Structures are given as structure tokens and as C-alpha cells.
Amino acid sequence: MVPLLLCSVVALAICIERLWTLRPSRIAPTHLLSEVWDAVSQHRLDNARLQQIRKSSPLGAIMAAGLLNARHGRDIMKESIEESASQVIHELERYLSTLGSIAAISPLLGLLGTVLGMIKVFTEISHAGTGNTALLAGGISEALLTTVTGLVIAIPAVFLHRMLQRRVDTLVVDMEGQAIKLVEMLHGDREHEQATELAKV
């Protein structure tokens, strides 16, 4: 039961932290693209502004990496965006593997507890016989309690792991779309017309 209780505490902490961290408004603000383009078009994109964009959000870090290399051409800009995005994705997925592991091992820990409990029950039977049925029933129910506890931990952990992974995937798609728009603004074939339209999105 002690390992199961530790798993439940860790899983709860991870879920609370990730639900708070993976808020769309914090990861990929919808207004950031238009703000970046306003700074570019008005020639106000200096180092201080770039640092502000980088620290504002994970999407800002991706865009700042692209803007720093925008003068080197479309391909270099895309490569720098991809490199920054891989680091951002790694941060977004932090602790999710731990949560998935807890969801997987909790039923196994519960089953292990039940097996050990049943071994204890049968050891008591071998010593005292089957005369005291109340004692045997209590021992069996105590053994099965660990399996129930493992399942109670694992079921919501699996659900929340899938939900959080889906949220990360959605955020990544959103950030990728906005980064592509930024590239098209700066290096598109009709960059001035596209930029005006995209900045309004």
C-alpha cells in the first residue's frame, strides 16, 4: 500500500502541475502573431523586443528563434524554428512519461500486494487450519484491497495521461500553424498582402 499511496500522490501532483502549465493562453497566445508582425512591419524588432517575445511564452520562443535567423532565408528560418520547437515540445511533455508509468504499474503493484496477501493467508491456513473463517475472510479482503487501490489510481491516471497528451498534440499543431504563418509573412511570394491578411487572423 505504501508504494501505491506514493504513486497516487505523485500522479496527483503531476496532473495538477500539467493542467496548470498546459493552458493554451500560456503556451500559444492567439494575439502573439499579430503583435510580432506589428513589431516587424514598424521596424521595432530590436534585441530587447526579441528577448521579450522569447520569454513571453513557448510559442514566443519558437518565433524568436525564427526571427533571429530570418535574414538567412526561408530554409534556415524553418530549421531554427524546428530546432526550437523540438525543445519546446520536450518541455511540454515533461512528467507525462512518469504519469504513464504510474498508470501502467499501479495495477501491477496492486496485484503484487494481493498475491503477497494471499500467500500470507495460506500460510495462516497451514498453521491454524480453516477453523477461523472470519480471520481468513478478513485476510483475503485485506489482500484484495491492494488490487482495488491500484485500479483506483490507474484508471484516472490513464485518462488524464491521454487527455494531457492530446492537449500537447493540439498545442503543437497550433504553434506549428502560427510559425508557418510567420515564415510566410517574412518570405512568402506575396508577403505584403499575405502579411496584412494573416495579421488580422
Protein backbone atom coordinates (compact mmCIF):
# COMPACT_ATOMS: atom_id res chain seq x y z
CA MET A 1 0.00 0.00 0.00
CA VAL A 2 2.85 2.42 0.69
CA PRO A 3 4.14 2.37 -2.93
CA LEU A 4 0.57 2.77 -4.16
CA LEU A 5 0.00 5.77 -1.93
CA LEU A 6 3.24 7.31 -3.17
CA CYS A 7 2.14 6.71 -6.76
CA SER A 8 -1.19 8.40 -6.09
CA VAL A 9 0.48 11.47 -4.60
CA VAL A 10 2.96 11.78 -7.49
CA ALA A 11 0.23 11.26 -10.11
CA LEU A 12 -1.98 13.90 -8.50
CA ALA A 13 0.89 16.39 -8.33
CA ILE A 14 1.79 15.81 -11.99
CA CYS A 15 -1.81 16.22 -13.15
CA ILE A 16 -2.30 19.48 -11.26
CA GLU A 17 1.03 20.89 -12.47
CA ARG A 18 0.46 19.91 -16.11
CA LEU A 19 -3.14 21.12 -16.20
CA TRP A 20 -1.95 24.50 -14.91
CA THR A 21 1.10 24.65 -17.19
CA LEU A 22 -0.52 23.45 -20.42
CA ARG A 23 -3.05 26.24 -20.68
CA PRO A 24 -3.43 27.36 -24.31
CA SER A 25 -3.38 31.03 -23.28
CA ARG A 26 0.02 30.49 -21.67
CA ILE A 27 1.59 28.24 -24.33
CA ALA A 28 0.32 29.76 -27.58
CA PRO A 29 -1.35 33.18 -27.12
CA THR A 30 -3.61 33.93 -30.08
CA HIS A 31 -2.56 37.60 -30.22
CA LEU A 32 1.19 36.94 -30.39
CA LEU A 33 1.44 36.58 -34.18
CA SER A 34 -0.20 39.93 -34.87
CA GLU A 35 1.98 41.61 -32.21
CA VAL A 36 5.13 40.15 -33.77
CA TRP A 37 4.13 41.27 -37.23
CA ASP A 38 3.33 44.78 -35.98
CA ALA A 39 6.83 44.96 -34.48
CA VAL A 40 8.40 43.71 -37.73
CA SER A 41 6.41 45.99 -40.02
CA GLN A 42 7.08 49.04 -37.85
CA HIS A 43 10.81 48.22 -37.53
CA ARG A 44 10.60 47.94 -33.74
CA LEU A 45 12.07 44.44 -33.55
CA ASP A 46 15.27 45.09 -31.64
CA ASN A 47 17.11 42.74 -29.28
CA ALA A 48 15.10 43.85 -26.26
CA ARG A 49 11.83 43.17 -28.08
CA LEU A 50 13.10 39.77 -29.24
CA GLN A 51 14.01 38.82 -25.69
CA GLN A 52 10.56 39.92 -24.54
CA ILE A 53 8.93 37.75 -27.21
CA ARG A 54 11.16 34.79 -26.32
CA LYS A 55 10.25 34.94 -22.63
CA SER A 56 6.56 35.61 -23.13
CA SER A 57 5.55 32.02 -23.98
CA PRO A 58 6.79 28.79 -25.60
CA LEU A 59 5.34 29.99 -28.91
CA GLY A 60 7.25 33.23 -28.42
CA ALA A 61 10.48 31.25 -28.00
CA ILE A 62 9.82 29.47 -31.30
CA MET A 63 9.02 32.70 -33.14
CA ALA A 64 12.05 34.48 -31.66
CA ALA A 65 14.32 31.68 -32.91
CA GLY A 66 12.88 32.08 -36.39
CA LEU A 67 13.12 35.86 -36.37
CA LEU A 68 16.77 35.74 -35.32
CA ASN A 69 17.54 33.75 -38.47
CA ALA A 70 15.01 35.32 -40.82
CA ARG A 71 17.68 37.21 -42.77
CA HIS A 72 19.38 33.94 -43.73
CA GLY A 73 16.46 32.80 -45.85
CA ARG A 74 13.36 30.66 -45.60
CA ASP A 75 15.13 27.30 -45.14
CA ILE A 76 17.41 28.46 -42.33
CA MET A 77 14.48 30.15 -40.64
CA LYS A 78 12.45 26.94 -40.80
CA GLU A 79 15.33 24.90 -39.44
CA SER A 80 15.79 27.22 -36.49
CA ILE A 81 12.04 27.10 -35.79
CA GLU A 82 12.09 23.29 -35.89
CA GLU A 83 15.06 23.13 -33.51
CA SER A 84 13.39 25.47 -31.05
CA ALA A 85 10.08 23.63 -31.41
CA SER A 86 11.70 20.30 -30.51
CA GLN A 87 12.94 21.81 -27.25
CA VAL A 88 9.53 23.33 -26.52
CA ILE A 89 7.77 20.01 -27.20
CA HIS A 90 10.17 18.27 -24.85
CA GLU A 91 9.24 20.74 -22.12
CA LEU A 92 5.52 20.37 -22.81
CA GLU A 93 5.78 16.58 -22.44
CA ARG A 94 7.67 16.81 -19.15
CA TYR A 95 6.40 14.35 -16.50
CA LEU A 96 3.91 12.76 -18.92
CA SER A 97 6.05 9.63 -19.24
CA THR A 98 6.14 9.40 -15.44
CA LEU A 99 2.35 9.69 -15.31
CA GLY A 100 2.03 6.98 -17.96
CA SER A 101 4.39 4.73 -16.00
CA ILE A 102 2.33 5.21 -12.83
CA ALA A 103 -0.82 4.32 -14.77
CA ALA A 104 0.87 1.13 -16.00
CA ILE A 105 2.49 -0.08 -12.78
CA SER A 106 -0.27 0.76 -10.29
CA PRO A 107 -2.42 -2.30 -11.19
CA LEU A 108 0.71 -4.47 -11.09
CA LEU A 109 1.63 -3.17 -7.64
CA GLY A 110 -1.94 -3.85 -6.53
CA LEU A 111 -1.79 -7.37 -7.92
CA LEU A 112 1.56 -7.93 -6.22
CA GLY A 113 0.06 -6.84 -2.91
CA THR A 114 -2.86 -9.23 -3.41
CA VAL A 115 -0.58 -12.15 -4.22
CA LEU A 116 1.58 -11.46 -1.16
CA GLY A 117 -1.56 -11.15 0.95
CA MET A 118 -2.91 -14.46 -0.34
CA ILE A 119 0.41 -16.12 0.42
CA LYS A 120 0.10 -14.82 3.97
CA VAL A 121 -3.47 -16.14 4.21
CA PHE A 122 -2.49 -19.61 3.02
CA THR A 123 0.43 -19.58 5.43
CA GLU A 124 -2.03 -18.92 8.26
CA ILE A 125 -4.22 -21.77 6.99
CA SER A 126 -1.27 -24.14 7.05
CA HIS A 127 -0.55 -23.21 10.66
CA ALA A 128 -4.01 -22.74 12.16
CA GLY A 129 -6.27 -24.66 9.77
CA THR A 130 -9.52 -23.40 8.33
CA GLY A 131 -11.49 -23.28 11.57
CA ASN A 132 -11.48 -19.47 11.94
CA THR A 133 -13.34 -18.38 8.81
CA ALA A 134 -13.67 -14.75 9.97
CA LEU A 135 -9.90 -14.42 10.16
CA LEU A 136 -9.48 -15.95 6.71
CA ALA A 137 -12.16 -13.70 5.19
CA GLY A 138 -10.54 -10.64 6.75
CA GLY A 139 -7.15 -11.63 5.41
CA ILE A 140 -8.50 -12.23 1.89
CA SER A 141 -10.39 -8.92 1.82
CA GLU A 142 -7.27 -7.12 3.05
CA ALA A 143 -5.25 -8.76 0.28
CA LEU A 144 -7.76 -7.76 -2.41
CA LEU A 145 -7.76 -4.17 -1.18
CA THR A 146 -4.40 -3.52 -2.82
CA THR A 147 -5.74 -4.55 -6.24
CA VAL A 148 -8.71 -2.22 -5.83
CA THR A 149 -6.39 0.61 -4.79
CA GLY A 150 -4.13 0.01 -7.78
CA LEU A 151 -7.09 0.18 -10.16
CA VAL A 152 -8.50 3.29 -8.49
CA ILE A 153 -5.14 5.00 -9.10
CA ALA A 154 -4.56 3.61 -12.60
CA ILE A 155 -7.93 4.38 -14.21
CA PRO A 156 -7.89 8.19 -13.72
CA ALA A 157 -4.14 8.24 -14.38
CA VAL A 158 -4.66 6.62 -17.79
CA PHE A 159 -7.49 9.03 -18.60
CA LEU A 160 -5.52 12.12 -17.58
CA HIS A 161 -2.37 10.92 -19.36
CA ARG A 162 -4.29 10.54 -22.62
CA MET A 163 -6.03 13.88 -22.13
CA LEU A 164 -2.78 15.73 -21.40
CA GLN A 165 -1.01 14.07 -24.34
CA ARG A 166 -3.88 15.12 -26.60
CA ARG A 167 -3.61 18.68 -25.26
CA VAL A 168 0.11 18.73 -26.04
CA ASP A 169 -0.56 17.47 -29.59
CA THR A 170 -3.19 20.17 -30.11
CA LEU A 171 -0.86 22.90 -28.84
CA VAL A 172 1.96 21.66 -31.08
CA VAL A 173 -0.29 21.78 -34.16
CA ASP A 174 -1.42 25.30 -33.23
CA MET A 175 2.15 26.52 -32.71
CA GLU A 176 3.27 24.90 -35.96
CA GLY A 177 0.50 26.68 -37.86
CA GLN A 178 1.39 30.07 -36.40
CA ALA A 179 5.10 29.54 -37.06
CA ILE A 180 4.35 28.69 -40.71
CA LYS A 181 2.28 31.87 -40.98
CA LEU A 182 5.22 33.85 -39.64
CA VAL A 183 7.54 32.34 -42.24
CA GLU A 184 5.08 33.15 -45.00
CA MET A 185 4.77 36.71 -43.73
CA LEU A 186 8.50 37.24 -43.99
CA HIS A 187 9.36 35.10 -47.05
CA GLY A 188 6.09 34.48 -48.89
CA ASP A 189 5.73 35.16 -52.63
CA ARG A 190 3.12 37.80 -51.88
CA GLU A 191 4.48 38.66 -48.47
CA HIS A 192 2.97 42.14 -48.07
CA GLU A 193 -0.57 41.11 -49.00
CA GLN A 194 -0.39 37.87 -47.05
CA ALA A 195 1.06 39.58 -44.02
CA THR A 196 -1.77 42.06 -43.86
CA GLU A 197 -4.37 39.31 -44.09
CA LEU A 198 -2.62 36.98 -41.64
CA ALA A 199 -2.06 39.69 -39.06
CA LYS A 200 -5.82 40.11 -38.86
CA VAL A 201 -6.39 36.39 -38.09
